[in-house]
Each structure stands twice: as C-alpha cells, then as structure tokens.
Amino acid sequence: MNGAADWRDAKYDEVFDQETRGLERRRASDPACGVEDLEAILMNLYHQEGSDWVGRGDLQDTVMSATIAAYEAFVFAWKAERQAI
C-alpha cells in the first residue's frame, strides 16, 4: 500500500472509532436521543456529502466518509438490537 492510502486508512479508522464512541456516550447519557434523531443527523450528513461543489479535499472527504459509515453502522446495530428485544 502506498503512503497516501496509509494515512487515509489511518484517518478513516480514527474518525470512525471516535464517532462511534461519541454515539455510544450520547446514547448512554441522553435519554431523549433515539434512532430517529441519529437518522436525521445521518440525512444531514448525506446532504453535506453531496454539497461538495468547491471540493473538500482528501482529508475532509475521508473524515466525511468515516463519519457517515459510523452513523450508518450505529443506527443499523441499534435497530437490530431493538428488533431482537
């Protein structure tokens, strides 16, 4: 793997883990926060991702991708957990 891919992968993993920890803390500490709230944030993130008409650059694209992936995974897991109950 080349150096450019290495830093992107490392940044992606860092942001994904950071966002997931933040979502776990929010879920544990904010009883008003529900799946629907996170889905609304996710929709906003999709909108932001598509509004890149000036170009964010590699770093911000990587951060955006990791953030969206963390929200998607967290929402999916929370919904699966609710269905299992």
PDB file of N, CA and C in Angstrom:
ATOM      1  N   MET A   1       0.854  -1.183   0.000  1.00  0.00           N
ATOM      2  CA  MET A   1       0.000   0.000   0.000  1.00  0.00           C
ATOM      3  C   MET A   1       0.895   1.241   0.000  1.00  0.00           C
ATOM      4  N   ASN A   2       0.499   2.248  -0.736  1.00  0.00           N
ATOM      5  CA  ASN A   2       1.324   3.456  -0.779  1.00  0.00           C
ATOM      6  C   ASN A   2       1.035   4.361   0.409  1.00  0.00           C
ATOM      7  N   GLY A   3       1.884   5.365   0.590  1.00  0.00           N
ATOM      8  CA  GLY A   3       1.764   6.252   1.740  1.00  0.00           C
ATOM      9  C   GLY A   3       0.463   7.020   1.790  1.00  0.00           C
ATOM     10  N   ALA A   4      -0.042   7.425   0.625  1.00  0.00           N
ATOM     11  CA  ALA A   4      -1.291   8.185   0.591  1.00  0.00           C
ATOM     12  C   ALA A   4      -2.449   7.351   1.113  1.00  0.00           C
ATOM     13  N   ALA A   5      -2.490   6.099   0.717  1.00  0.00           N
ATOM     14  CA  ALA A   5      -3.570   5.226   1.190  1.00  0.00           C
ATOM     15  C   ALA A   5      -3.411   4.928   2.668  1.00  0.00           C
ATOM     16  N   ASP A   6      -2.191   4.827   3.131  1.00  0.00           N
ATOM     17  CA  ASP A   6      -1.942   4.544   4.545  1.00  0.00           C
ATOM     18  C   ASP A   6      -2.526   5.623   5.449  1.00  0.00           C
ATOM     19  N   TRP A   7      -2.262   6.892   5.138  1.00  0.00           N
ATOM     20  CA  TRP A   7      -2.773   7.951   6.008  1.00  0.00           C
ATOM     21  C   TRP A   7      -4.292   8.042   5.922  1.00  0.00           C
ATOM     22  N   ARG A   8      -4.853   7.783   4.737  1.00  0.00           N
ATOM     23  CA  ARG A   8      -6.310   7.818   4.605  1.00  0.00           C
ATOM     24  C   ARG A   8      -6.957   6.714   5.436  1.00  0.00           C
ATOM     25  N   ASP A   9      -6.395   5.519   5.352  1.00  0.00           N
ATOM     26  CA  ASP A   9      -6.930   4.398   6.137  1.00  0.00           C
ATOM     27  C   ASP A   9      -6.820   4.672   7.633  1.00  0.00           C
ATOM     28  N   ALA A  10      -5.685   5.207   8.051  1.00  0.00           N
ATOM     29  CA  ALA A  10      -5.485   5.513   9.473  1.00  0.00           C
ATOM     30  C   ALA A  10      -6.466   6.590   9.934  1.00  0.00           C
ATOM     31  N   LYS A  11      -6.659   7.627   9.134  1.00  0.00           N
ATOM     32  CA  LYS A  11      -7.592   8.705   9.489  1.00  0.00           C
ATOM     33  C   LYS A  11      -9.018   8.192   9.508  1.00  0.00           C
ATOM     34  N   TYR A  12      -9.382   7.373   8.519  1.00  0.00           N
ATOM     35  CA  TYR A  12     -10.722   6.799   8.464  1.00  0.00           C
ATOM     36  C   TYR A  12     -10.999   6.001   9.734  1.00  0.00           C
ATOM     37  N   ASP A  13     -10.097   5.123  10.105  1.00  0.00           N
ATOM     38  CA  ASP A  13     -10.269   4.301  11.313  1.00  0.00           C
ATOM     39  C   ASP A  13     -10.372   5.167  12.562  1.00  0.00           C
ATOM     40  N   GLU A  14      -9.530   6.195  12.638  1.00  0.00           N
ATOM     41  CA  GLU A  14      -9.543   7.097  13.790  1.00  0.00           C
ATOM     42  C   GLU A  14     -10.899   7.796  13.925  1.00  0.00           C
ATOM     43  N   VAL A  15     -11.388   8.355  12.838  1.00  0.00           N
ATOM     44  CA  VAL A  15     -12.657   9.090  12.861  1.00  0.00           C
ATOM     45  C   VAL A  15     -13.818   8.139  13.119  1.00  0.00           C
ATOM     46  N   PHE A  16     -13.822   6.992  12.470  1.00  0.00           N
ATOM     47  CA  PHE A  16     -14.891   6.008  12.677  1.00  0.00           C
ATOM     48  C   PHE A  16     -14.979   5.627  14.156  1.00  0.00           C
ATOM     49  N   ASP A  17     -13.840   5.300  14.764  1.00  0.00           N
ATOM     50  CA  ASP A  17     -13.815   4.918  16.181  1.00  0.00           C
ATOM     51  C   ASP A  17     -14.249   6.074  17.083  1.00  0.00           C
ATOM     52  N   GLN A  18     -13.777   7.260  16.764  1.00  0.00           N
ATOM     53  CA  GLN A  18     -14.127   8.454  17.543  1.00  0.00           C
ATOM     54  C   GLN A  18     -15.630   8.728  17.484  1.00  0.00           C
ATOM     55  N   GLU A  19     -16.196   8.682  16.303  1.00  0.00           N
ATOM     56  CA  GLU A  19     -17.635   8.920  16.144  1.00  0.00           C
ATOM     57  C   GLU A  19     -18.450   7.845  16.850  1.00  0.00           C
ATOM     58  N   THR A  20     -18.029   6.610  16.733  1.00  0.00           N
ATOM     59  CA  THR A  20     -18.753   5.509  17.386  1.00  0.00           C
ATOM     60  C   THR A  20     -18.733   5.684  18.900  1.00  0.00           C
ATOM     61  N   ARG A  21     -17.587   6.017  19.465  1.00  0.00           N
ATOM     62  CA  ARG A  21     -17.519   6.257  20.920  1.00  0.00           C
ATOM     63  C   ARG A  21     -18.427   7.415  21.321  1.00  0.00           C
ATOM     64  N   GLY A  22     -18.435   8.472  20.519  1.00  0.00           N
ATOM     65  CA  GLY A  22     -19.303   9.612  20.810  1.00  0.00           C
ATOM     66  C   GLY A  22     -20.777   9.235  20.756  1.00  0.00           C
ATOM     67  N   LEU A  23     -21.150   8.425  19.793  1.00  0.00           N
ATOM     68  CA  LEU A  23     -22.544   7.979  19.695  1.00  0.00           C
ATOM     69  C   LEU A  23     -22.917   7.076  20.863  1.00  0.00           C
ATOM     70  N   GLU A  24     -22.010   6.226  21.273  1.00  0.00           N
ATOM     71  CA  GLU A  24     -22.274   5.369  22.440  1.00  0.00           C
ATOM     72  C   GLU A  24     -22.467   6.209  23.697  1.00  0.00           C
ATOM     73  N   ARG A  25     -21.606   7.224  23.882  1.00  0.00           N
ATOM     74  CA  ARG A  25     -21.748   8.111  25.049  1.00  0.00           C
ATOM     75  C   ARG A  25     -23.076   8.862  25.000  1.00  0.00           C
ATOM     76  N   ARG A  26     -23.425   9.353  23.832  1.00  0.00           N
ATOM     77  CA  ARG A  26     -24.681  10.104  23.705  1.00  0.00           C
ATOM     78  C   ARG A  26     -25.878   9.213  24.015  1.00  0.00           C
ATOM     79  N   ARG A  27     -25.861   8.009  23.479  1.00  0.00           N
ATOM     80  CA  ARG A  27     -26.976   7.093  23.725  1.00  0.00           C
ATOM     81  C   ARG A  27     -27.106   6.776  25.213  1.00  0.00           C
ATOM     82  N   ALA A  28     -25.978   6.599  25.883  1.00  0.00           N
ATOM     83  CA  ALA A  28     -25.989   6.256  27.303  1.00  0.00           C
ATOM     84  C   ALA A  28     -26.384   7.431  28.191  1.00  0.00           C
ATOM     85  N   SER A  29     -26.063   8.650  27.778  1.00  0.00           N
ATOM     86  CA  SER A  29     -26.278   9.790  28.669  1.00  0.00           C
ATOM     87  C   SER A  29     -27.475  10.656  28.314  1.00  0.00           C
ATOM     88  N   ASP A  30     -28.041  10.481  27.123  1.00  0.00           N
ATOM     89  CA  ASP A  30     -29.140  11.338  26.688  1.00  0.00           C
ATOM     90  C   ASP A  30     -30.378  10.492  26.394  1.00  0.00           C
ATOM     91  N   PRO A  31     -31.272  10.368  27.371  1.00  0.00           N
ATOM     92  CA  PRO A  31     -32.453   9.533  27.160  1.00  0.00           C
ATOM     93  C   PRO A  31     -33.380  10.059  26.059  1.00  0.00           C
ATOM     94  N   ALA A  32     -33.238  11.305  25.697  1.00  0.00           N
ATOM     95  CA  ALA A  32     -34.075  11.872  24.634  1.00  0.00           C
ATOM     96  C   ALA A  32     -33.554  11.518  23.245  1.00  0.00           C
ATOM     97  N   CYS A  33     -32.348  11.018  23.175  1.00  0.00           N
ATOM     98  CA  CYS A  33     -31.753  10.674  21.882  1.00  0.00           C
ATOM     99  C   CYS A  33     -32.253   9.306  21.444  1.00  0.00           C
ATOM    100  N   GLY A  34     -32.797   9.242  20.249  1.00  0.00           N
ATOM    101  CA  GLY A  34     -33.290   7.986  19.719  1.00  0.00           C
ATOM    102  C   GLY A  34     -32.752   7.731  18.325  1.00  0.00           C
ATOM    103  N   VAL A  35     -33.078   6.583  17.799  1.00  0.00           N
ATOM    104  CA  VAL A  35     -32.644   6.209  16.454  1.00  0.00           C
ATOM    105  C   VAL A  35     -33.093   7.261  15.444  1.00  0.00           C
ATOM    106  N   GLU A  36     -34.297   7.761  15.605  1.00  0.00           N
ATOM    107  CA  GLU A  36     -34.831   8.740  14.669  1.00  0.00           C
ATOM    108  C   GLU A  36     -33.977  10.006  14.646  1.00  0.00           C
ATOM    109  N   ASP A  37     -33.466  10.415  15.808  1.00  0.00           N
ATOM    110  CA  ASP A  37     -32.597  11.590  15.872  1.00  0.00           C
ATOM    111  C   ASP A  37     -31.307  11.357  15.091  1.00  0.00           C
ATOM    112  N   LEU A  38     -30.733  10.167  15.265  1.00  0.00           N
ATOM    113  CA  LEU A  38     -29.493   9.844  14.569  1.00  0.00           C
ATOM    114  C   LEU A  38     -29.723   9.697  13.067  1.00  0.00           C
ATOM    115  N   GLU A  39     -30.891   9.184  12.693  1.00  0.00           N
ATOM    116  CA  GLU A  39     -31.219   9.092  11.269  1.00  0.00           C
ATOM    117  C   GLU A  39     -31.348  10.486  10.654  1.00  0.00           C
ATOM    118  N   ALA A  40     -31.881  11.430  11.403  1.00  0.00           N
ATOM    119  CA  ALA A  40     -31.996  12.805  10.905  1.00  0.00           C
ATOM    120  C   ALA A  40     -30.609  13.419  10.711  1.00  0.00           C
ATOM    121  N   ILE A  41     -29.716  13.165  11.650  1.00  0.00           N
ATOM    122  CA  ILE A  41     -28.339  13.651  11.512  1.00  0.00           C
ATOM    123  C   ILE A  41     -27.682  12.995  10.303  1.00  0.00           C
ATOM    124  N   LEU A  42     -27.921  11.708  10.134  1.00  0.00           N
ATOM    125  CA  LEU A  42     -27.365  10.981   9.001  1.00  0.00           C
ATOM    126  C   LEU A  42     -27.858  11.565   7.672  1.00  0.00           C
ATOM    127  N   MET A  43     -29.125  11.909   7.602  1.00  0.00           N
ATOM    128  CA  MET A  43     -29.650  12.533   6.387  1.00  0.00           C
ATOM    129  C   MET A  43     -28.944  13.863   6.107  1.00  0.00           C
ATOM    130  N   ASN A  44     -28.674  14.620   7.158  1.00  0.00           N
ATOM    131  CA  ASN A  44     -27.946  15.872   7.002  1.00  0.00           C
ATOM    132  C   ASN A  44     -26.515  15.610   6.519  1.00  0.00           C
ATOM    133  N   LEU A  45     -25.893  14.565   7.048  1.00  0.00           N
ATOM    134  CA  LEU A  45     -24.546  14.208   6.603  1.00  0.00           C
ATOM    135  C   LEU A  45     -24.536  13.818   5.123  1.00  0.00           C
ATOM    136  N   TYR A  46     -25.558  13.085   4.688  1.00  0.00           N
ATOM    137  CA  TYR A  46     -25.662  12.747   3.262  1.00  0.00           C
ATOM    138  C   TYR A  46     -25.760  14.020   2.423  1.00  0.00           C
ATOM    139  N   HIS A  47     -26.553  14.965   2.911  1.00  0.00           N
ATOM    140  CA  HIS A  47     -26.723  16.229   2.197  1.00  0.00           C
ATOM    141  C   HIS A  47     -25.388  16.976   2.113  1.00  0.00           C
ATOM    142  N   GLN A  48     -24.673  17.036   3.240  1.00  0.00           N
ATOM    143  CA  GLN A  48     -23.374  17.707   3.250  1.00  0.00           C
ATOM    144  C   GLN A  48     -22.396  17.027   2.294  1.00  0.00           C
ATOM    145  N   GLU A  49     -22.425  15.710   2.274  1.00  0.00           N
ATOM    146  CA  GLU A  49     -21.527  14.965   1.394  1.00  0.00           C
ATOM    147  C   GLU A  49     -21.797  15.314  -0.068  1.00  0.00           C
ATOM    148  N   GLY A  50     -23.059  15.456  -0.421  1.00  0.00           N
ATOM    149  CA  GLY A  50     -23.425  15.768  -1.793  1.00  0.00           C
ATOM    150  C   GLY A  50     -23.263  17.228  -2.168  1.00  0.00           C
ATOM    151  N   SER A  51     -22.999  18.067  -1.196  1.00  0.00           N
ATOM    152  CA  SER A  51     -22.873  19.509  -1.450  1.00  0.00           C
ATOM    153  C   SER A  51     -21.413  19.946  -1.557  1.00  0.00           C
ATOM    154  N   ASP A  52     -20.602  19.121  -2.127  1.00  0.00           N
ATOM    155  CA  ASP A  52     -19.168  19.388  -2.205  1.00  0.00           C
ATOM    156  C   ASP A  52     -18.795  20.041  -3.520  1.00  0.00           C
ATOM    157  N   TRP A  53     -19.418  21.149  -3.845  1.00  0.00           N
ATOM    158  CA  TRP A  53     -19.186  21.777  -5.135  1.00  0.00           C
ATOM    159  C   TRP A  53     -17.869  22.542  -5.207  1.00  0.00           C
ATOM    160  N   VAL A  54     -17.271  22.887  -4.074  1.00  0.00           N
ATOM    161  CA  VAL A  54     -15.971  23.575  -4.098  1.00  0.00           C
ATOM    162  C   VAL A  54     -14.816  22.623  -3.832  1.00  0.00           C
ATOM    163  N   GLY A  55     -15.111  21.419  -3.407  1.00  0.00           N
ATOM    164  CA  GLY A  55     -14.066  20.431  -3.143  1.00  0.00           C
ATOM    165  C   GLY A  55     -13.531  20.524  -1.730  1.00  0.00           C
ATOM    166  N   ARG A  56     -13.707  19.462  -0.983  1.00  0.00           N
ATOM    167  CA  ARG A  56     -13.227  19.428   0.392  1.00  0.00           C
ATOM    168  C   ARG A  56     -11.766  19.012   0.464  1.00  0.00           C
ATOM    169  N   GLY A  57     -11.354  18.183  -0.442  1.00  0.00           N
ATOM    170  CA  GLY A  57     -10.003  17.641  -0.385  1.00  0.00           C
ATOM    171  C   GLY A  57     -10.017  16.246   0.225  1.00  0.00           C
ATOM    172  N   ASP A  58      -8.907  15.563   0.081  1.00  0.00           N
ATOM    173  CA  ASP A  58      -8.806  14.176   0.528  1.00  0.00           C
ATOM    174  C   ASP A  58      -9.075  13.996   2.021  1.00  0.00           C
ATOM    175  N   LEU A  59      -8.535  14.884   2.841  1.00  0.00           N
ATOM    176  CA  LEU A  59      -8.700  14.740   4.285  1.00  0.00           C
ATOM    177  C   LEU A  59     -10.167  14.838   4.680  1.00  0.00           C
ATOM    178  N   GLN A  60     -10.836  15.893   4.254  1.00  0.00           N
ATOM    179  CA  GLN A  60     -12.237  16.078   4.649  1.00  0.00           C
ATOM    180  C   GLN A  60     -13.152  15.047   4.007  1.00  0.00           C
ATOM    181  N   ASP A  61     -12.823  14.584   2.802  1.00  0.00           N
ATOM    182  CA  ASP A  61     -13.599  13.501   2.193  1.00  0.00           C
ATOM    183  C   ASP A  61     -13.482  12.228   3.026  1.00  0.00           C
ATOM    184  N   THR A  62     -12.288  11.954   3.513  1.00  0.00           N
ATOM    185  CA  THR A  62     -12.062  10.777   4.357  1.00  0.00           C
ATOM    186  C   THR A  62     -12.820  10.901   5.671  1.00  0.00           C
ATOM    187  N   VAL A  63     -12.773  12.078   6.273  1.00  0.00           N
ATOM    188  CA  VAL A  63     -13.494  12.323   7.530  1.00  0.00           C
ATOM    189  C   VAL A  63     -14.997  12.169   7.316  1.00  0.00           C
ATOM    190  N   MET A  64     -15.517  12.727   6.234  1.00  0.00           N
ATOM    191  CA  MET A  64     -16.947  12.640   5.940  1.00  0.00           C
ATOM    192  C   MET A  64     -17.367  11.187   5.731  1.00  0.00           C
ATOM    193  N   SER A  65     -16.597  10.437   4.970  1.00  0.00           N
ATOM    194  CA  SER A  65     -16.917   9.023   4.714  1.00  0.00           C
ATOM    195  C   SER A  65     -16.930   8.215   6.004  1.00  0.00           C
ATOM    196  N   ALA A  66     -15.952   8.429   6.844  1.00  0.00           N
ATOM    197  CA  ALA A  66     -15.875   7.690   8.104  1.00  0.00           C
ATOM    198  C   ALA A  66     -17.009   8.070   9.047  1.00  0.00           C
ATOM    199  N   THR A  67     -17.357   9.341   9.079  1.00  0.00           N
ATOM    200  CA  THR A  67     -18.451   9.802   9.940  1.00  0.00           C
ATOM    201  C   THR A  67     -19.768   9.174   9.500  1.00  0.00           C
ATOM    202  N   ILE A  68     -20.028   9.200   8.201  1.00  0.00           N
ATOM    203  CA  ILE A  68     -21.255   8.610   7.677  1.00  0.00           C
ATOM    204  C   ILE A  68     -21.288   7.110   7.970  1.00  0.00           C
ATOM    205  N   ALA A  69     -20.181   6.434   7.746  1.00  0.00           N
ATOM    206  CA  ALA A  69     -20.128   4.991   7.995  1.00  0.00           C
ATOM    207  C   ALA A  69     -20.371   4.669   9.465  1.00  0.00           C
ATOM    208  N   ALA A  70     -19.843   5.481  10.363  1.00  0.00           N
ATOM    209  CA  ALA A  70     -20.051   5.253  11.796  1.00  0.00           C
ATOM    210  C   ALA A  70     -21.526   5.420  12.159  1.00  0.00           C
ATOM    211  N   TYR A  71     -22.150   6.459  11.654  1.00  0.00           N
ATOM    212  CA  TYR A  71     -23.582   6.665  11.913  1.00  0.00           C
ATOM    213  C   TYR A  71     -24.409   5.534  11.334  1.00  0.00           C
ATOM    214  N   GLU A  72     -24.104   5.128  10.103  1.00  0.00           N
ATOM    215  CA  GLU A  72     -24.852   4.031   9.488  1.00  0.00           C
ATOM    216  C   GLU A  72     -24.724   2.750  10.307  1.00  0.00           C
ATOM    217  N   ALA A  73     -23.518   2.421  10.706  1.00  0.00           N
ATOM    218  CA  ALA A  73     -23.293   1.189  11.476  1.00  0.00           C
ATOM    219  C   ALA A  73     -23.979   1.261  12.829  1.00  0.00           C
ATOM    220  N   PHE A  74     -23.908   2.422  13.483  1.00  0.00           N
ATOM    221  CA  PHE A  74     -24.510   2.571  14.808  1.00  0.00           C
ATOM    222  C   PHE A  74     -26.027   2.471  14.737  1.00  0.00           C
ATOM    223  N   VAL A  75     -26.625   3.135  13.758  1.00  0.00           N
ATOM    224  CA  VAL A  75     -28.079   3.087  13.587  1.00  0.00           C
ATOM    225  C   VAL A  75     -28.519   1.664  13.252  1.00  0.00           C
ATOM    226  N   PHE A  76     -27.797   1.010  12.360  1.00  0.00           N
ATOM    227  CA  PHE A  76     -28.130  -0.367  11.990  1.00  0.00           C
ATOM    228  C   PHE A  76     -28.092  -1.280  13.216  1.00  0.00           C
ATOM    229  N   ALA A  77     -27.036  -1.178  14.009  1.00  0.00           N
ATOM    230  CA  ALA A  77     -26.896  -2.023  15.204  1.00  0.00           C
ATOM    231  C   ALA A  77     -27.994  -1.726  16.223  1.00  0.00           C
ATOM    232  N   TRP A  78     -28.332  -0.448  16.398  1.00  0.00           N
ATOM    233  CA  TRP A  78     -29.368  -0.078  17.358  1.00  0.00           C
ATOM    234  C   TRP A  78     -30.716  -0.625  16.911  1.00  0.00           C
ATOM    235  N   LYS A  79     -31.015  -0.525  15.629  1.00  0.00           N
ATOM    236  CA  LYS A  79     -32.280  -1.072  15.121  1.00  0.00           C
ATOM    237  C   LYS A  79     -32.323  -2.581  15.276  1.00  0.00           C
ATOM    238  N   ALA A  80     -31.223  -3.249  15.002  1.00  0.00           N
ATOM    239  CA  ALA A  80     -31.162  -4.712  15.144  1.00  0.00           C
ATOM    240  C   ALA A  80     -31.361  -5.110  16.604  1.00  0.00           C
ATOM    241  N   GLU A  81     -30.786  -4.338  17.495  1.00  0.00           N
ATOM    242  CA  GLU A  81     -30.943  -4.574  18.929  1.00  0.00           C
ATOM    243  C   GLU A  81     -32.401  -4.426  19.351  1.00  0.00           C
ATOM    244  N   ARG A  82     -33.059  -3.400  18.844  1.00  0.00           N
ATOM    245  CA  ARG A  82     -34.473  -3.171  19.180  1.00  0.00           C
ATOM    246  C   ARG A  82     -35.347  -4.305  18.655  1.00  0.00           C
ATOM    247  N   GLN A  83     -35.039  -4.832  17.481  1.00  0.00           N
ATOM    248  CA  GLN A  83     -35.824  -5.920  16.913  1.00  0.00           C
ATOM    249  C   GLN A  83     -35.618  -7.219  17.674  1.00  0.00           C
ATOM    250  N   ALA A  84     -34.446  -7.371  18.274  1.00  0.00           N
ATOM    251  CA  ALA A  84     -34.138  -8.607  18.999  1.00  0.00           C
ATOM    252  C   ALA A  84     -34.855  -8.673  20.347  1.00  0.00           C
ATOM    253  N   ILE A  85     -35.303  -7.533  20.817  1.00  0.00           N
ATOM    254  CA  ILE A  85     -35.955  -7.491  22.137  1.00  0.00           C
ATOM    255  C   ILE A  85     -37.374  -8.006  22.049  1.00  0.00           C
TER     256      ILE A  85
END
